[in-house]
Amino acid sequence: MKNKSFGETGKQVSVIGQGTWYIDRGHRASAIAALRNGLDLGMTHIDTAEMYDDAELVVAEAMAGRRDEVFLVSKVLPSNASRKGTVQACERSLKRLQTDRLDCYLLHWRGSYPLEDTVAALEQLVSDGKIRSWGVSNFDAGDLAEVLDVAGEGRIACNQVLYHLNERAIEHSVIPWCEAHGVAVVAYSPFGHDDFPDVQSASGKVLQEVAARHGATPRQVALAFLTRWPSVFAIPKASSSGHAADNAGAGNLTLTESDIAALEKVFPLGREPRSLPMI
């Protein structure tokens, strides 16, 4: 599993991590086994959120006895992101996760509370040792610039955003902004949302051809394509140990320039949208 620097935190983090949205809605034992197998295979970056119902409880059980292996991320809802509310939300997440600290804590998306208040709370949590770093999610370049004005350079650890083969909007402005300012980009829903290319489609056939050249799977190729950027990490969810193993297989896959060109042709970038896509 390749690791790379997570923004300017100084931490080396697995390029492929583990997402947990909806992980609590399936078979709990399978979900826990998938997360544990992912850790065994080097996917030590685990992402969750207070919004994900009981996902934090599942993560707690999965990493029991292994907390020091994990780069653990959770998120505060915008509705809780006042100065006092952010601290309280973090403390609730720490209790559910059965840990004394988060490696990174994110504002899930921009809400009505002033960024100054949320950033002040996040910095307080860093000072108190409850989080090691903080970032944002679903922020476009303009939003990121506003946070930068509040917090200063080197404080925003990451921006977690929607990014998959059929949704490459962040390549226009978000990734360039993040790379210019030392901010990690974390791709959520990297296989799309129930719309991964069918093998019989024109784009799916190209994806399969690239995979065959590397002895890989189409999903591994998709993850390798997204993480070709120096700043980008991906957090696919796995509901079984087998799915976790398939995801981890992307961690050492490097695509050639011709592979990338072939994929860019069938998964075109398109025009920059007026607002950042999110789910």
Protein backbone atom coordinates (compact mmCIF):
# COMPACT_ATOMS: atom_id res chain seq x y z
CA MET A 1 0.00 0.00 0.00
CA LYS A 2 1.43 3.35 -1.03
CA ASN A 3 1.42 6.10 1.56
CA LYS A 4 1.85 9.79 0.94
CA SER A 5 1.89 13.02 2.87
CA PHE A 6 -1.54 14.09 4.08
CA GLY A 7 -1.42 17.78 3.27
CA GLU A 8 0.96 19.59 5.60
CA THR A 9 0.18 17.46 8.65
CA GLY A 10 3.46 15.59 8.39
CA LYS A 11 1.56 12.30 8.51
CA GLN A 12 2.07 9.57 5.91
CA VAL A 13 -1.38 8.17 5.12
CA SER A 14 -2.50 5.25 2.94
CA VAL A 15 -3.50 6.43 -0.51
CA ILE A 16 -6.53 4.11 -0.35
CA GLY A 17 -8.55 4.35 2.82
CA GLN A 18 -11.89 3.08 4.06
CA GLY A 19 -15.19 4.94 3.92
CA THR A 20 -18.07 4.04 6.24
CA TRP A 21 -21.19 5.78 4.92
CA TYR A 22 -24.09 3.24 5.24
CA ILE A 23 -21.72 0.65 6.70
CA ASP A 24 -24.02 0.27 9.70
CA ARG A 25 -27.01 -0.70 7.55
CA GLY A 26 -25.74 -4.09 6.46
CA HIS A 27 -24.47 -7.13 8.32
CA ARG A 28 -22.51 -5.74 11.27
CA ALA A 29 -20.07 -8.63 11.61
CA SER A 30 -19.23 -8.46 7.89
CA ALA A 31 -18.68 -4.72 8.10
CA ILE A 32 -16.34 -5.10 11.05
CA ALA A 33 -14.45 -7.90 9.32
CA ALA A 34 -14.10 -5.75 6.19
CA LEU A 35 -12.63 -2.85 8.15
CA ARG A 36 -10.24 -5.12 10.01
CA ASN A 37 -9.11 -6.82 6.82
CA GLY A 38 -8.61 -3.39 5.32
CA LEU A 39 -6.31 -2.50 8.20
CA ASP A 40 -4.41 -5.76 7.69
CA LEU A 41 -3.91 -4.78 4.04
CA GLY A 42 -2.61 -1.32 4.85
CA MET A 43 -5.77 0.79 4.45
CA THR A 44 -5.21 2.54 7.74
CA HIS A 45 -7.13 5.71 6.87
CA ILE A 46 -10.69 5.26 8.19
CA ASP A 47 -13.28 7.95 7.56
CA THR A 48 -16.59 8.33 9.37
CA ALA A 49 -18.98 11.07 10.57
CA GLU A 50 -21.57 11.86 13.19
CA MET A 51 -24.13 11.97 10.34
CA TYR A 52 -23.53 8.30 9.52
CA ASP A 53 -25.86 7.02 12.27
CA ASP A 54 -24.11 4.08 13.98
CA ALA A 55 -21.04 3.97 11.73
CA GLU A 56 -18.83 5.41 14.48
CA LEU A 57 -19.87 2.52 16.73
CA VAL A 58 -18.94 0.01 14.02
CA VAL A 59 -15.58 1.69 13.54
CA ALA A 60 -14.93 1.60 17.27
CA GLU A 61 -15.44 -2.14 17.36
CA ALA A 62 -13.37 -2.70 14.24
CA MET A 63 -10.34 -0.82 15.53
CA ALA A 64 -10.51 -2.14 19.11
CA GLY A 65 -6.95 -2.82 20.22
CA ARG A 66 -5.58 -1.27 17.03
CA ARG A 67 -6.22 2.45 17.50
CA ASP A 68 -2.58 3.44 17.02
CA GLU A 69 -2.59 1.89 13.52
CA VAL A 70 -5.44 4.09 12.34
CA PHE A 71 -5.52 7.56 10.81
CA LEU A 72 -9.02 8.30 12.10
CA VAL A 73 -11.27 10.99 10.61
CA SER A 74 -14.77 12.09 11.59
CA LYS A 75 -16.97 15.09 10.77
CA VAL A 76 -19.20 17.64 12.43
CA LEU A 77 -22.56 18.51 10.89
CA PRO A 78 -22.97 22.16 9.83
CA SER A 79 -25.98 22.41 12.14
CA ASN A 80 -23.66 21.67 15.08
CA ALA A 81 -20.74 23.78 13.89
CA SER A 82 -21.02 26.74 16.26
CA ARG A 83 -18.00 27.36 18.47
CA LYS A 84 -19.53 25.48 21.41
CA GLY A 85 -21.41 22.96 19.28
CA THR A 86 -18.30 21.86 17.37
CA VAL A 87 -16.51 21.01 20.58
CA GLN A 88 -19.52 19.13 21.92
CA ALA A 89 -19.99 17.21 18.66
CA CYS A 90 -16.35 16.18 18.67
CA GLU A 91 -16.61 14.95 22.25
CA ARG A 92 -19.67 12.87 21.34
CA SER A 93 -17.79 11.33 18.40
CA LEU A 94 -14.79 10.54 20.59
CA LYS A 95 -17.10 8.76 23.04
CA ARG A 96 -18.78 6.71 20.29
CA LEU A 97 -15.42 5.88 18.73
CA GLN A 98 -13.97 4.94 22.13
CA THR A 99 -10.84 6.98 21.59
CA ASP A 100 -9.23 10.07 23.10
CA ARG A 101 -8.36 11.80 19.82
CA LEU A 102 -9.11 12.12 16.12
CA ASP A 103 -6.33 12.42 13.58
CA CYS A 104 -8.44 14.82 11.54
CA TYR A 105 -11.85 16.43 12.11
CA LEU A 106 -13.87 17.93 9.27
CA LEU A 107 -16.70 20.39 8.81
CA HIS A 108 -19.02 18.18 6.74
CA TRP A 109 -20.22 20.98 4.49
CA ARG A 110 -20.62 24.70 4.80
CA GLY A 111 -23.56 25.86 6.89
CA SER A 112 -24.89 29.02 8.50
CA TYR A 113 -22.41 29.42 11.34
CA PRO A 114 -19.54 31.86 10.68
CA LEU A 115 -16.36 30.12 9.58
CA GLU A 116 -14.52 32.14 12.23
CA ASP A 117 -16.48 30.39 14.98
CA THR A 118 -16.00 26.90 13.57
CA VAL A 119 -12.29 27.42 12.95
CA ALA A 120 -11.84 28.79 16.49
CA ALA A 121 -13.48 25.64 17.86
CA LEU A 122 -11.33 23.38 15.70
CA GLU A 123 -8.18 25.16 16.82
CA GLN A 124 -9.32 24.81 20.43
CA LEU A 125 -9.76 21.07 19.90
CA VAL A 126 -6.22 20.89 18.52
CA SER A 127 -4.88 22.78 21.54
CA ASP A 128 -6.78 20.45 23.86
CA GLY A 129 -5.30 17.37 22.17
CA LYS A 130 -8.68 16.05 21.08
CA ILE A 131 -7.86 16.33 17.38
CA ARG A 132 -4.49 16.34 15.62
CA SER A 133 -5.63 18.35 12.57
CA TRP A 134 -8.77 19.64 10.91
CA GLY A 135 -10.22 20.19 7.47
CA VAL A 136 -13.40 20.63 5.48
CA SER A 137 -15.64 18.67 3.14
CA ASN A 138 -17.63 19.68 0.06
CA PHE A 139 -15.86 23.05 -0.22
CA ASP A 140 -15.20 24.62 -3.61
CA ALA A 141 -12.17 26.81 -4.33
CA GLY A 142 -13.97 29.99 -3.26
CA ASP A 143 -15.01 28.48 0.07
CA LEU A 144 -11.49 27.20 0.63
CA ALA A 145 -10.09 30.68 0.04
CA GLU A 146 -12.43 32.04 2.71
CA VAL A 147 -11.28 29.42 5.22
CA LEU A 148 -7.68 30.22 4.37
CA ASP A 149 -8.32 33.90 5.11
CA VAL A 150 -9.65 32.92 8.53
CA ALA A 151 -7.16 30.23 9.50
CA GLY A 152 -3.97 31.07 7.59
CA GLU A 153 -1.67 28.85 5.55
CA GLY A 154 -0.89 25.36 6.75
CA ARG A 155 -3.98 24.90 8.93
CA ILE A 156 -6.43 23.23 6.49
CA ALA A 157 -5.39 19.59 6.40
CA CYS A 158 -7.79 18.34 3.75
CA ASN A 159 -10.89 18.86 1.66
CA GLN A 160 -13.08 15.80 1.22
CA VAL A 161 -15.10 15.94 -2.00
CA LEU A 162 -17.13 13.89 -4.46
CA TYR A 163 -14.83 12.47 -7.13
CA HIS A 164 -15.24 9.52 -9.46
CA LEU A 165 -14.79 8.64 -13.14
CA ASN A 166 -18.07 10.23 -14.18
CA GLU A 167 -17.70 13.25 -11.89
CA ARG A 168 -14.39 15.00 -12.35
CA ALA A 169 -15.49 18.57 -11.56
CA ILE A 170 -12.90 19.04 -8.83
CA GLU A 171 -10.11 18.81 -11.42
CA HIS A 172 -11.02 22.29 -12.71
CA SER A 173 -10.32 24.40 -9.62
CA VAL A 174 -10.44 22.42 -6.38
CA ILE A 175 -7.48 20.10 -6.91
CA PRO A 176 -5.24 22.88 -8.29
CA TRP A 177 -6.15 25.12 -5.34
CA CYS A 178 -5.47 22.36 -2.82
CA GLU A 179 -2.15 21.41 -4.39
CA ALA A 180 -1.07 25.08 -4.40
CA HIS A 181 -1.83 25.38 -0.68
CA GLY A 182 -0.67 21.99 0.63
CA VAL A 183 -4.17 20.65 1.28
CA ALA A 184 -4.93 16.93 0.86
CA VAL A 185 -7.91 16.00 -1.32
CA VAL A 186 -9.96 13.00 -0.22
CA ALA A 187 -12.29 11.46 -2.81
CA TYR A 188 -15.54 10.14 -1.37
CA SER A 189 -17.89 7.83 -3.32
CA PRO A 190 -14.98 7.04 -5.70
CA PHE A 191 -17.08 4.45 -7.55
CA GLY A 192 -20.03 6.80 -7.96
CA HIS A 193 -23.38 6.24 -6.32
CA ASP A 194 -24.75 2.98 -7.77
CA ASP A 195 -23.61 4.03 -11.24
CA PHE A 196 -20.19 2.40 -11.74
CA PRO A 197 -19.63 1.86 -15.49
CA ASP A 198 -21.18 -1.34 -16.78
CA VAL A 199 -18.69 -3.68 -18.45
CA GLN A 200 -20.88 -3.74 -21.59
CA SER A 201 -20.81 0.05 -22.00
CA ALA A 202 -18.23 1.73 -24.23
CA SER A 203 -16.50 3.33 -21.25
CA GLY A 204 -16.74 0.13 -19.25
CA LYS A 205 -14.99 -1.80 -22.00
CA VAL A 206 -12.08 0.64 -22.01
CA LEU A 207 -11.88 0.37 -18.24
CA GLN A 208 -11.77 -3.41 -18.53
CA GLU A 209 -9.06 -3.23 -21.21
CA VAL A 210 -6.86 -1.08 -18.99
CA ALA A 211 -7.49 -3.42 -16.06
CA ALA A 212 -6.56 -6.47 -18.12
CA ARG A 213 -3.21 -4.91 -19.10
CA HIS A 214 -2.32 -4.62 -15.41
CA GLY A 215 -3.86 -7.84 -14.14
CA ALA A 216 -6.18 -5.64 -12.09
CA THR A 217 -9.91 -5.10 -11.67
CA PRO A 218 -11.88 -2.17 -13.12
CA ARG A 219 -12.48 -0.78 -9.65
CA GLN A 220 -8.79 -0.88 -8.88
CA VAL A 221 -8.12 1.02 -12.09
CA ALA A 222 -10.74 3.61 -11.15
CA LEU A 223 -9.06 4.20 -7.79
CA ALA A 224 -5.62 4.41 -9.39
CA PHE A 225 -6.94 6.96 -11.89
CA LEU A 226 -8.34 9.21 -9.15
CA THR A 227 -5.24 9.01 -6.97
CA ARG A 228 -2.85 9.78 -9.82
CA TRP A 229 -2.77 13.33 -8.47
CA PRO A 230 -0.10 13.85 -5.76
CA SER A 231 -2.66 15.36 -3.37
CA VAL A 232 -5.52 12.88 -3.83
CA PHE A 233 -6.54 10.01 -1.54
CA ALA A 234 -9.65 7.82 -1.94
CA ILE A 235 -11.95 6.27 0.67
CA PRO A 236 -14.07 3.53 -0.93
CA LYS A 237 -16.46 1.64 1.31
CA ALA A 238 -16.33 -2.14 1.53
CA SER A 239 -19.13 -4.29 2.90
CA SER A 240 -17.10 -7.51 2.95
CA SER A 241 -13.52 -8.64 3.41
CA GLY A 242 -13.34 -9.52 -0.27
CA HIS A 243 -14.38 -6.02 -1.31
CA ALA A 244 -11.78 -4.59 1.08
CA ALA A 245 -9.08 -6.74 -0.51
CA ASP A 246 -10.11 -5.58 -3.98
CA ASN A 247 -9.92 -1.93 -2.90
CA ALA A 248 -6.53 -2.44 -1.30
CA GLY A 249 -5.22 -3.88 -4.56
CA ALA A 250 -5.30 -0.38 -6.00
CA GLY A 251 -2.75 0.79 -3.48
CA ASN A 252 0.24 -0.25 -5.57
CA LEU A 253 -1.25 0.19 -9.06
CA THR A 254 0.34 2.85 -11.25
CA LEU A 255 -1.27 3.66 -14.59
CA THR A 256 0.72 4.60 -17.66
CA GLU A 257 0.26 7.85 -19.55
CA SER A 258 -1.52 5.94 -22.33
CA ASP A 259 -3.85 4.33 -19.78
CA ILE A 260 -4.74 7.74 -18.38
CA ALA A 261 -5.27 9.19 -21.85
CA ALA A 262 -7.60 6.32 -22.79
CA LEU A 263 -9.64 6.80 -19.62
CA GLU A 264 -9.82 10.58 -20.01
CA LYS A 265 -11.22 10.09 -23.51
CA VAL A 266 -14.17 7.94 -22.37
CA PHE A 267 -14.67 9.75 -19.07
CA PRO A 268 -14.37 13.37 -20.25
CA LEU A 269 -13.78 16.21 -17.82
CA GLY A 270 -16.59 18.39 -19.10
CA ARG A 271 -17.18 22.03 -18.24
CA GLU A 272 -16.70 23.41 -14.77
CA PRO A 273 -20.10 23.51 -13.02
CA ARG A 274 -21.43 26.61 -11.27
CA SER A 275 -21.50 24.81 -7.93
CA LEU A 276 -19.50 21.91 -6.58
CA PRO A 277 -21.29 18.55 -6.94
CA MET A 278 -21.95 16.69 -3.69
CA ILE A 279 -24.12 13.88 -2.34
